[in-house]
């Protein structure tokens, strides 16, 4: 009886995770189709193309690595590019380390494999993580990605020039709501505004390395504003503490003076 109750609770969290991730999973459909078709166009066999989506499970890394492969870039350059492109997952893991450290090894490995930008954003502001919720949300996104990558693989041979349908716009459509949902402070808002502005300027003037320049600039501005805000908070806190100490000393002096006057009257 107790096992059934535990199973129902786990299933409830698992289902809730899948439902919460469903909008982002639907939004990734065009991206998955694009990744699948691009894998075939890059010369990968159907089993290899399916394995890439099923095992790599990283949209941006797949598209970039396939583009570099098509331009006959060396394997070392592809590996280094993908490594730096997906390096934010190290940060995600560090942020979640204390929250998932009590999970079993099997659960940690599962959550680690299913951890994406979308899953991290979905639970970024939550103080605690239920492993079945995370597994449900992550698995939902994973299934959509793999299934519609296979659809893209099939369509690549049936529909010529699939890339002309601008399916890559789905990347923007996914990350815009994620970014907006993560803007919780002035520093974050300023960083996003600076990144967008610099990206548009670099694009208009044809400056290479737009993503790196815009990203680093936005992070620098956010860090600078956050540092100033923290310094201001510390200054205000220290001023208030000093004021409280002065007030306490004044009260002590007043009470001492009143005690002295009472003794004098006696």
C-alpha atoms as a PDB file:
ATOM      1  CA  UNK A   1       0.000   0.000   0.000  1.00  0.00           C
ATOM      2  CA  UNK A   2       2.803   2.351   0.931  1.00  0.00           C
ATOM      3  CA  UNK A   3       4.712   1.462  -2.255  1.00  0.00           C
ATOM      4  CA  UNK A   4       1.653   2.283  -4.350  1.00  0.00           C
ATOM      5  CA  UNK A   5       1.343   5.663  -2.667  1.00  0.00           C
ATOM      6  CA  UNK A   6       5.026   6.423  -3.250  1.00  0.00           C
ATOM      7  CA  UNK A   7       4.646   5.336  -6.871  1.00  0.00           C
ATOM      8  CA  UNK A   8       1.647   7.655  -7.339  1.00  0.00           C
ATOM      9  CA  UNK A   9       3.578  10.592  -5.881  1.00  0.00           C
ATOM     10  CA  UNK A  10       6.543   9.915  -8.164  1.00  0.00           C
ATOM     11  CA  UNK A  11       4.260   9.569 -11.191  1.00  0.00           C
ATOM     12  CA  UNK A  12       2.562  12.852 -10.233  1.00  0.00           C
ATOM     13  CA  UNK A  13       5.867  14.739 -10.176  1.00  0.00           C
ATOM     14  CA  UNK A  14       7.009  13.015 -13.389  1.00  0.00           C
ATOM     15  CA  UNK A  15       3.788  14.016 -15.174  1.00  0.00           C
ATOM     16  CA  UNK A  16       3.967  17.577 -13.837  1.00  0.00           C
ATOM     17  CA  UNK A  17       7.484  17.891 -15.232  1.00  0.00           C
ATOM     18  CA  UNK A  18       6.376  16.680 -18.669  1.00  0.00           C
ATOM     19  CA  UNK A  19       3.447  19.101 -18.713  1.00  0.00           C
ATOM     20  CA  UNK A  20       5.645  22.032 -17.665  1.00  0.00           C
ATOM     21  CA  UNK A  21       8.163  21.281 -20.430  1.00  0.00           C
ATOM     22  CA  UNK A  22       5.531  20.671 -23.119  1.00  0.00           C
ATOM     23  CA  UNK A  23       5.424  24.273 -24.506  1.00  0.00           C
ATOM     24  CA  UNK A  24       9.199  24.362 -24.984  1.00  0.00           C
ATOM     25  CA  UNK A  25       9.114  20.844 -26.433  1.00  0.00           C
ATOM     26  CA  UNK A  26       6.577  21.920 -29.052  1.00  0.00           C
ATOM     27  CA  UNK A  27       8.647  25.002 -29.846  1.00  0.00           C
ATOM     28  CA  UNK A  28      11.724  22.842 -30.533  1.00  0.00           C
ATOM     29  CA  UNK A  29       9.968  20.840 -33.286  1.00  0.00           C
ATOM     30  CA  UNK A  30      11.253  22.961 -36.236  1.00  0.00           C
ATOM     31  CA  UNK A  31      14.735  22.974 -34.714  1.00  0.00           C
ATOM     32  CA  UNK A  32      14.724  19.175 -34.445  1.00  0.00           C
ATOM     33  CA  UNK A  33      13.564  18.828 -38.056  1.00  0.00           C
ATOM     34  CA  UNK A  34      16.340  21.180 -39.155  1.00  0.00           C
ATOM     35  CA  UNK A  35      18.992  19.244 -37.219  1.00  0.00           C
ATOM     36  CA  UNK A  36      17.858  15.927 -38.700  1.00  0.00           C
ATOM     37  CA  UNK A  37      17.771  17.187 -42.282  1.00  0.00           C
ATOM     38  CA  UNK A  38      21.116  18.935 -41.893  1.00  0.00           C
ATOM     39  CA  UNK A  39      22.724  15.718 -40.650  1.00  0.00           C
ATOM     40  CA  UNK A  40      21.640  13.928 -43.843  1.00  0.00           C
ATOM     41  CA  UNK A  41      22.765  16.833 -46.027  1.00  0.00           C
ATOM     42  CA  UNK A  42      26.151  16.732 -44.295  1.00  0.00           C
ATOM     43  CA  UNK A  43      26.622  13.193 -45.570  1.00  0.00           C
ATOM     44  CA  UNK A  44      25.765  11.188 -42.453  1.00  0.00           C
ATOM     45  CA  UNK A  45      23.978   7.891 -42.910  1.00  0.00           C
ATOM     46  CA  UNK A  46      20.502   7.541 -41.412  1.00  0.00           C
ATOM     47  CA  UNK A  47      21.696   5.469 -38.396  1.00  0.00           C
ATOM     48  CA  UNK A  48      24.495   7.972 -37.700  1.00  0.00           C
ATOM     49  CA  UNK A  49      22.117  10.921 -38.055  1.00  0.00           C
ATOM     50  CA  UNK A  50      19.671   9.346 -35.584  1.00  0.00           C
ATOM     51  CA  UNK A  51      22.504   8.446 -33.205  1.00  0.00           C
ATOM     52  CA  UNK A  52      23.771  12.019 -33.279  1.00  0.00           C
ATOM     53  CA  UNK A  53      20.450  13.424 -32.060  1.00  0.00           C
ATOM     54  CA  UNK A  54      19.920  10.581 -29.585  1.00  0.00           C
ATOM     55  CA  UNK A  55      23.416  10.630 -28.054  1.00  0.00           C
ATOM     56  CA  UNK A  56      24.703  14.185 -28.466  1.00  0.00           C
ATOM     57  CA  UNK A  57      21.345  15.805 -27.620  1.00  0.00           C
ATOM     58  CA  UNK A  58      22.598  19.382 -28.031  1.00  0.00           C
ATOM     59  CA  UNK A  59      20.889  21.407 -30.742  1.00  0.00           C
ATOM     60  CA  UNK A  60      23.361  24.261 -31.149  1.00  0.00           C
ATOM     61  CA  UNK A  61      26.348  21.918 -30.928  1.00  0.00           C
ATOM     62  CA  UNK A  62      24.846  19.602 -33.555  1.00  0.00           C
ATOM     63  CA  UNK A  63      24.098  22.390 -36.031  1.00  0.00           C
ATOM     64  CA  UNK A  64      27.493  24.055 -35.590  1.00  0.00           C
ATOM     65  CA  UNK A  65      29.449  20.792 -35.775  1.00  0.00           C
ATOM     66  CA  UNK A  66      27.537  19.728 -38.893  1.00  0.00           C
ATOM     67  CA  UNK A  67      28.184  23.108 -40.516  1.00  0.00           C
ATOM     68  CA  UNK A  68      31.905  22.827 -39.737  1.00  0.00           C
ATOM     69  CA  UNK A  69      31.921  19.231 -41.016  1.00  0.00           C
ATOM     70  CA  UNK A  70      30.331  20.364 -44.296  1.00  0.00           C
ATOM     71  CA  UNK A  71      33.015  23.045 -44.670  1.00  0.00           C
ATOM     72  CA  UNK A  72      35.688  20.312 -44.145  1.00  0.00           C
ATOM     73  CA  UNK A  73      36.980  21.745 -40.869  1.00  0.00           C
ATOM     74  CA  UNK A  74      39.436  19.605 -38.906  1.00  0.00           C
ATOM     75  CA  UNK A  75      38.144  17.351 -36.122  1.00  0.00           C
ATOM     76  CA  UNK A  76      40.181  19.187 -33.463  1.00  0.00           C
ATOM     77  CA  UNK A  77      38.603  22.532 -34.368  1.00  0.00           C
ATOM     78  CA  UNK A  78      35.125  20.958 -34.308  1.00  0.00           C
ATOM     79  CA  UNK A  79      35.758  19.408 -30.881  1.00  0.00           C
ATOM     80  CA  UNK A  80      37.113  22.647 -29.414  1.00  0.00           C
ATOM     81  CA  UNK A  81      34.226  24.672 -30.858  1.00  0.00           C
ATOM     82  CA  UNK A  82      31.614  22.288 -29.463  1.00  0.00           C
ATOM     83  CA  UNK A  83      33.407  22.195 -26.097  1.00  0.00           C
ATOM     84  CA  UNK A  84      33.286  25.981 -25.659  1.00  0.00           C
ATOM     85  CA  UNK A  85      29.804  26.197 -27.169  1.00  0.00           C
ATOM     86  CA  UNK A  86      28.396  23.823 -24.549  1.00  0.00           C
ATOM     87  CA  UNK A  87      30.595  24.939 -21.635  1.00  0.00           C
ATOM     88  CA  UNK A  88      27.618  26.593 -19.915  1.00  0.00           C
ATOM     89  CA  UNK A  89      26.603  23.113 -18.790  1.00  0.00           C
ATOM     90  CA  UNK A  90      29.521  23.156 -16.344  1.00  0.00           C
ATOM     91  CA  UNK A  91      27.934  26.236 -14.750  1.00  0.00           C
ATOM     92  CA  UNK A  92      24.518  24.558 -14.700  1.00  0.00           C
ATOM     93  CA  UNK A  93      26.027  21.523 -12.964  1.00  0.00           C
ATOM     94  CA  UNK A  94      27.760  23.692 -10.357  1.00  0.00           C
ATOM     95  CA  UNK A  95      24.553  25.624  -9.656  1.00  0.00           C
ATOM     96  CA  UNK A  96      22.563  22.407  -9.225  1.00  0.00           C
ATOM     97  CA  UNK A  97      25.257  20.432  -7.399  1.00  0.00           C
ATOM     98  CA  UNK A  98      23.938  21.012  -3.877  1.00  0.00           C
ATOM     99  CA  UNK A  99      20.336  20.512  -4.981  1.00  0.00           C
ATOM    100  CA  UNK A 100      20.888  17.094  -6.574  1.00  0.00           C
ATOM    101  CA  UNK A 101      23.811  15.772  -4.499  1.00  0.00           C
ATOM    102  CA  UNK A 102      21.461  13.594  -2.411  1.00  0.00           C
ATOM    103  CA  UNK A 103      20.132  11.802  -5.521  1.00  0.00           C
ATOM    104  CA  UNK A 104      21.338   8.317  -6.370  1.00  0.00           C
ATOM    105  CA  UNK A 105      24.130   8.013  -8.941  1.00  0.00           C
ATOM    106  CA  UNK A 106      21.662   6.663 -11.502  1.00  0.00           C
ATOM    107  CA  UNK A 107      19.356   9.679 -11.028  1.00  0.00           C
ATOM    108  CA  UNK A 108      22.250  12.164 -11.181  1.00  0.00           C
ATOM    109  CA  UNK A 109      23.501  10.640 -14.424  1.00  0.00           C
ATOM    110  CA  UNK A 110      19.991  10.732 -15.877  1.00  0.00           C
ATOM    111  CA  UNK A 111      19.426  14.352 -14.918  1.00  0.00           C
ATOM    112  CA  UNK A 112      22.912  15.239 -16.161  1.00  0.00           C
ATOM    113  CA  UNK A 113      22.252  13.710 -19.578  1.00  0.00           C
ATOM    114  CA  UNK A 114      18.833  15.377 -19.883  1.00  0.00           C
ATOM    115  CA  UNK A 115      20.069  18.770 -18.615  1.00  0.00           C
ATOM    116  CA  UNK A 116      19.572  21.425 -21.288  1.00  0.00           C
ATOM    117  CA  UNK A 117      19.275  25.200 -21.386  1.00  0.00           C
ATOM    118  CA  UNK A 118      15.499  24.755 -21.376  1.00  0.00           C
ATOM    119  CA  UNK A 119      15.437  22.433 -18.355  1.00  0.00           C
ATOM    120  CA  UNK A 120      17.785  24.692 -16.411  1.00  0.00           C
ATOM    121  CA  UNK A 121      15.661  27.758 -17.193  1.00  0.00           C
ATOM    122  CA  UNK A 122      12.493  25.905 -16.209  1.00  0.00           C
ATOM    123  CA  UNK A 123      13.809  25.252 -12.690  1.00  0.00           C
ATOM    124  CA  UNK A 124      16.394  28.044 -12.317  1.00  0.00           C
ATOM    125  CA  UNK A 125      14.490  29.948  -9.618  1.00  0.00           C
ATOM    126  CA  UNK A 126      13.321  26.934  -7.622  1.00  0.00           C
ATOM    127  CA  UNK A 127      15.002  26.319  -4.235  1.00  0.00           C
ATOM    128  CA  UNK A 128      14.487  22.530  -4.424  1.00  0.00           C
ATOM    129  CA  UNK A 129      14.382  20.001  -7.247  1.00  0.00           C
ATOM    130  CA  UNK A 130      12.330  16.820  -7.309  1.00  0.00           C
ATOM    131  CA  UNK A 131      14.236  14.235  -9.342  1.00  0.00           C
ATOM    132  CA  UNK A 132      11.113  12.761 -10.928  1.00  0.00           C
ATOM    133  CA  UNK A 133       9.955  16.220 -11.982  1.00  0.00           C
ATOM    134  CA  UNK A 134      13.351  16.853 -13.612  1.00  0.00           C
ATOM    135  CA  UNK A 135      13.392  13.446 -15.277  1.00  0.00           C
ATOM    136  CA  UNK A 136       9.851  13.925 -16.612  1.00  0.00           C
ATOM    137  CA  UNK A 137      10.600  17.386 -17.996  1.00  0.00           C
ATOM    138  CA  UNK A 138      13.939  16.338 -19.459  1.00  0.00           C
ATOM    139  CA  UNK A 139      12.576  13.150 -21.017  1.00  0.00           C
ATOM    140  CA  UNK A 140       9.685  15.060 -22.614  1.00  0.00           C
ATOM    141  CA  UNK A 141      12.094  17.453 -24.301  1.00  0.00           C
ATOM    142  CA  UNK A 142      14.418  14.600 -25.298  1.00  0.00           C
ATOM    143  CA  UNK A 143      11.648  12.567 -26.950  1.00  0.00           C
ATOM    144  CA  UNK A 144      10.410  15.554 -28.943  1.00  0.00           C
ATOM    145  CA  UNK A 145      13.975  16.291 -30.059  1.00  0.00           C
ATOM    146  CA  UNK A 146      14.768  12.743 -31.184  1.00  0.00           C
ATOM    147  CA  UNK A 147      11.383  12.061 -32.805  1.00  0.00           C
ATOM    148  CA  UNK A 148      11.352  15.253 -34.862  1.00  0.00           C
ATOM    149  CA  UNK A 149      15.021  14.857 -35.740  1.00  0.00           C
ATOM    150  CA  UNK A 150      13.979  11.536 -37.304  1.00  0.00           C
ATOM    151  CA  UNK A 151      11.157  13.401 -39.087  1.00  0.00           C
ATOM    152  CA  UNK A 152      13.790  15.813 -40.447  1.00  0.00           C
ATOM    153  CA  UNK A 153      15.936  12.894 -41.582  1.00  0.00           C
ATOM    154  CA  UNK A 154      12.987  11.431 -43.495  1.00  0.00           C
ATOM    155  CA  UNK A 155      11.987  14.804 -44.963  1.00  0.00           C
ATOM    156  CA  UNK A 156      15.556  15.541 -46.088  1.00  0.00           C
ATOM    157  CA  UNK A 157      15.206  13.042 -48.913  1.00  0.00           C
ATOM    158  CA  UNK A 158      11.532  13.775 -49.635  1.00  0.00           C
ATOM    159  CA  UNK A 159      11.593  17.602 -49.519  1.00  0.00           C
ATOM    160  CA  UNK A 160      14.482  19.287 -51.364  1.00  0.00           C
ATOM    161  CA  UNK A 161      16.077  22.462 -49.958  1.00  0.00           C
ATOM    162  CA  UNK A 162      14.419  22.102 -46.564  1.00  0.00           C
ATOM    163  CA  UNK A 163      16.717  24.792 -45.158  1.00  0.00           C
ATOM    164  CA  UNK A 164      14.922  27.417 -47.272  1.00  0.00           C
ATOM    165  CA  UNK A 165      11.920  27.217 -44.937  1.00  0.00           C
ATOM    166  CA  UNK A 166      13.964  29.104 -42.282  1.00  0.00           C
ATOM    167  CA  UNK A 167      13.331  26.527 -39.580  1.00  0.00           C
ATOM    168  CA  UNK A 168      16.317  27.956 -37.686  1.00  0.00           C
ATOM    169  CA  UNK A 169      14.026  30.772 -36.503  1.00  0.00           C
ATOM    170  CA  UNK A 170      12.730  28.293 -33.921  1.00  0.00           C
ATOM    171  CA  UNK A 171      16.058  28.711 -32.098  1.00  0.00           C
ATOM    172  CA  UNK A 172      15.235  32.376 -31.518  1.00  0.00           C
ATOM    173  CA  UNK A 173      11.625  31.525 -30.655  1.00  0.00           C
ATOM    174  CA  UNK A 174      12.788  29.153 -27.905  1.00  0.00           C
ATOM    175  CA  UNK A 175      15.500  31.277 -26.325  1.00  0.00           C
ATOM    176  CA  UNK A 176      13.626  34.613 -26.256  1.00  0.00           C
ATOM    177  CA  UNK A 177      11.033  33.472 -23.649  1.00  0.00           C
ATOM    178  CA  UNK A 178      13.770  31.661 -21.713  1.00  0.00           C
ATOM    179  CA  UNK A 179      15.879  34.824 -21.507  1.00  0.00           C
ATOM    180  CA  UNK A 180      12.880  37.007 -20.629  1.00  0.00           C
ATOM    181  CA  UNK A 181      11.918  34.596 -17.847  1.00  0.00           C
ATOM    182  CA  UNK A 182      15.430  34.771 -16.367  1.00  0.00           C
ATOM    183  CA  UNK A 183      15.576  38.585 -16.244  1.00  0.00           C
ATOM    184  CA  UNK A 184      15.064  39.165 -12.523  1.00  0.00           C
ATOM    185  CA  UNK A 185      17.285  42.209 -11.901  1.00  0.00           C
ATOM    186  CA  UNK A 186      18.498  45.470 -13.426  1.00  0.00           C
ATOM    187  CA  UNK A 187      21.908  43.931 -14.056  1.00  0.00           C
ATOM    188  CA  UNK A 188      20.423  41.074 -16.106  1.00  0.00           C
ATOM    189  CA  UNK A 189      18.167  43.466 -18.067  1.00  0.00           C
ATOM    190  CA  UNK A 190      21.108  45.766 -18.820  1.00  0.00           C
ATOM    191  CA  UNK A 191      23.259  42.821 -19.948  1.00  0.00           C
ATOM    192  CA  UNK A 192      20.573  41.552 -22.333  1.00  0.00           C
ATOM    193  CA  UNK A 193      20.001  45.060 -23.732  1.00  0.00           C
ATOM    194  CA  UNK A 194      23.726  45.597 -24.324  1.00  0.00           C
ATOM    195  CA  UNK A 195      24.149  42.169 -25.950  1.00  0.00           C
ATOM    196  CA  UNK A 196      21.209  42.740 -28.307  1.00  0.00           C
ATOM    197  CA  UNK A 197      22.386  46.237 -29.240  1.00  0.00           C
ATOM    198  CA  UNK A 198      25.975  45.186 -29.940  1.00  0.00           C
ATOM    199  CA  UNK A 199      24.797  42.114 -31.876  1.00  0.00           C
ATOM    200  CA  UNK A 200      22.676  44.298 -34.179  1.00  0.00           C
ATOM    201  CA  UNK A 201      25.516  46.791 -34.673  1.00  0.00           C
ATOM    202  CA  UNK A 202      28.031  44.048 -35.478  1.00  0.00           C
ATOM    203  CA  UNK A 203      25.569  42.423 -37.872  1.00  0.00           C
ATOM    204  CA  UNK A 204      24.864  45.706 -39.702  1.00  0.00           C
ATOM    205  CA  UNK A 205      28.559  46.502 -40.140  1.00  0.00           C
ATOM    206  CA  UNK A 206      29.559  42.916 -40.938  1.00  0.00           C
ATOM    207  CA  UNK A 207      31.900  42.589 -37.955  1.00  0.00           C
ATOM    208  CA  UNK A 208      33.050  38.966 -37.456  1.00  0.00           C
ATOM    209  CA  UNK A 209      32.649  37.198 -34.119  1.00  0.00           C
ATOM    210  CA  UNK A 210      29.308  38.846 -33.385  1.00  0.00           C
ATOM    211  CA  UNK A 211      28.122  36.262 -30.867  1.00  0.00           C
ATOM    212  CA  UNK A 212      31.320  36.345 -28.828  1.00  0.00           C
ATOM    213  CA  UNK A 213      31.585  40.148 -28.814  1.00  0.00           C
ATOM    214  CA  UNK A 214      27.911  40.627 -27.893  1.00  0.00           C
ATOM    215  CA  UNK A 215      27.914  37.895 -25.266  1.00  0.00           C
ATOM    216  CA  UNK A 216      31.101  39.012 -23.507  1.00  0.00           C
ATOM    217  CA  UNK A 217      30.000  42.663 -23.589  1.00  0.00           C
ATOM    218  CA  UNK A 218      26.637  41.830 -22.043  1.00  0.00           C
ATOM    219  CA  UNK A 219      28.233  39.699 -19.321  1.00  0.00           C
ATOM    220  CA  UNK A 220      30.767  42.449 -18.547  1.00  0.00           C
ATOM    221  CA  UNK A 221      28.048  45.076 -18.173  1.00  0.00           C
ATOM    222  CA  UNK A 222      25.918  42.772 -16.008  1.00  0.00           C
ATOM    223  CA  UNK A 223      28.867  41.936 -13.770  1.00  0.00           C
ATOM    224  CA  UNK A 224      29.823  45.605 -13.463  1.00  0.00           C
ATOM    225  CA  UNK A 225      26.299  46.691 -12.496  1.00  0.00           C
ATOM    226  CA  UNK A 226      25.870  43.748 -10.116  1.00  0.00           C
ATOM    227  CA  UNK A 227      29.181  44.613  -8.406  1.00  0.00           C
ATOM    228  CA  UNK A 228      28.145  48.243  -7.962  1.00  0.00           C
ATOM    229  CA  UNK A 229      24.744  47.222  -6.615  1.00  0.00           C
ATOM    230  CA  UNK A 230      26.364  44.876  -4.080  1.00  0.00           C
ATOM    231  CA  UNK A 231      28.788  47.605  -2.986  1.00  0.00           C
ATOM    232  CA  UNK A 232      25.891  50.035  -2.566  1.00  0.00           C
ATOM    233  CA  UNK A 233      23.932  47.493  -0.522  1.00  0.00           C
ATOM    234  CA  UNK A 234      26.950  46.894   1.724  1.00  0.00           C
ATOM    235  CA  UNK A 235      27.419  50.665   2.154  1.00  0.00           C
ATOM    236  CA  UNK A 236      23.760  51.164   3.034  1.00  0.00           C
ATOM    237  CA  UNK A 237      23.923  48.223   5.445  1.00  0.00           C
ATOM    238  CA  UNK A 238      27.054  49.567   7.137  1.00  0.00           C
ATOM    239  CA  UNK A 239      25.512  53.072   7.367  1.00  0.00           C
ATOM    240  CA  UNK A 240      22.365  51.656   8.933  1.00  0.00           C
ATOM    241  CA  UNK A 241      24.425  49.611  11.391  1.00  0.00           C
ATOM    242  CA  UNK A 242      26.433  52.714  12.357  1.00  0.00           C
ATOM    243  CA  UNK A 243      23.239  54.712  12.753  1.00  0.00           C
ATOM    244  CA  UNK A 244      21.785  51.951  14.939  1.00  0.00           C
ATOM    245  CA  UNK A 245      24.927  51.930  17.097  1.00  0.00           C
ATOM    246  CA  UNK A 246      24.832  55.725  17.467  1.00  0.00           C
ATOM    247  CA  UNK A 247      21.160  55.574  18.389  1.00  0.00           C
ATOM    248  CA  UNK A 248      21.896  52.854  20.941  1.00  0.00           C
ATOM    249  CA  UNK A 249      24.708  54.952  22.450  1.00  0.00           C
ATOM    250  CA  UNK A 250      22.413  57.993  22.584  1.00  0.00           C
ATOM    251  CA  UNK A 251      19.757  55.956  24.342  1.00  0.00           C
ATOM    252  CA  UNK A 252      22.339  54.681  26.843  1.00  0.00           C
ATOM    253  CA  UNK A 253      23.498  58.251  27.519  1.00  0.00           C
ATOM    254  CA  UNK A 254      19.928  59.466  27.923  1.00  0.00           C
ATOM    255  CA  UNK A 255      19.067  56.617  30.285  1.00  0.00           C
ATOM    256  CA  UNK A 256      22.270  57.280  32.266  1.00  0.00           C
ATOM    257  CA  UNK A 257      21.447  60.996  32.466  1.00  0.00           C
ATOM    258  CA  UNK A 258      17.903  60.249  33.600  1.00  0.00           C
ATOM    259  CA  UNK A 259      19.213  57.816  36.224  1.00  0.00           C
ATOM    260  CA  UNK A 260      21.658  60.491  37.445  1.00  0.00           C
ATOM    261  CA  UNK A 261      18.975  63.158  37.691  1.00  0.00           C
ATOM    262  CA  UNK A 262      16.717  60.802  39.622  1.00  0.00           C
ATOM    263  CA  UNK A 263      19.478  60.102  42.121  1.00  0.00           C
ATOM    264  CA  UNK A 264      20.155  63.861  42.442  1.00  0.00           C
ATOM    265  CA  UNK A 265      16.484  64.545  43.215  1.00  0.00           C
ATOM    266  CA  UNK A 266      16.584  61.944  45.960  1.00  0.00           C
END
